[in-house]
Amino acid sequence: MTAVDVKNLKGEVVGSFELDDRVFGIEPNTAVVHQAVVAQLANQRKGTADTKTRGEVRGGTHKMWRQKGTGRARQGDRRAPHWVGGGVVFGPHPRSYHKDLPIKMRRLAMRSVLSAKVADQEVTIVESLALTSPKSREVRGILAALGLERGALIVLPEADADVKRATGNFKDVRAVTPGSLCLLDVLKCRHLIVTRPAAEALTEKLLAEVQRGRSIHKNPQTSAEQPTVDMERVVDQETAAGTPADVAVADAAETVAAPPMTGAAVQAEAESAPATSADAGESEDA
């Protein structure tokens, strides 16, 4: 854990806060940061640039003049690339520049950048950031009190309309939440102002476990893991037992659609059902 000072909006130290070294104290991985930046910049490209080929521009397809005897250079039609208004040979066409980046690499890049910011003392932790009115002069006063007059990136635990409106007139000041924090914004900003709840939420977000593999259904009451039902396996079992194919498919669909029964549900069903045939006859007579 890395202990840092917690300041109020007047720039006074009011306490300390321990930053998780797994997020704010690792060795920055510059190679992963570079890949993440390249991917984000590529994903921002629209890929809508388009040029017309010689088959798309206006103009006839007739030969300009005969091949020999005129003294001129031999030519084809007016849509050839070397004519004014002709087609473009190797021009851009609509395409996708999208680059995929694993979530673990994205998180590692963010943790690397945050760790570098903390190492360079470019992160300020504040207790909270609440404005009395959505005025730009209040934000300017807060930045001046914290010694950050050249701009900063403010990270709040949740969206605040007043702070967003007050920072709208500044070119180098932005207010974001941990869920909308962008790697490019962190790299471009000169300083980070992070509230204590936002730092906790950011730590939790960057250290969350990545779920992979088969989907697991969980019962909200018992929190027991229930594996998904394989429809093909149920159909195969029904067919092997001699059930017609259409009936087997219908039974399998009902089995997949029905939620799995928990132990409490099975016990309740067993208690409600008559134990023997004699008990069933007595209940019918009653």
Foldseek 3Di string as FASTA:
>chain_A
DQKDFAAALLQDTDGIDDADCVQQNDAADVVLLVVQVVQVVQQVDQQADAFFALVGWDFDFQFPDDPDDPPDHGTTTQQDPVHVRHGDDDDGHRDGSHDDDDPLSVLSSNSNLNNVCVVVVQEHEYAADDDPALALVSVCSSCVSNVNNVAEEEEHQDDDPSPQSNCVVDPRYHYYYLVPDDSVNSVPHRHYYYYPNRSVVNVCVSPPDDDDDADWDADPVVRDTDGQDDLVVQLVVCVVVPHDNVVSSVVSVVVRVDDDDDPVRVVVVVVVDDPDPVSVVVVVVD
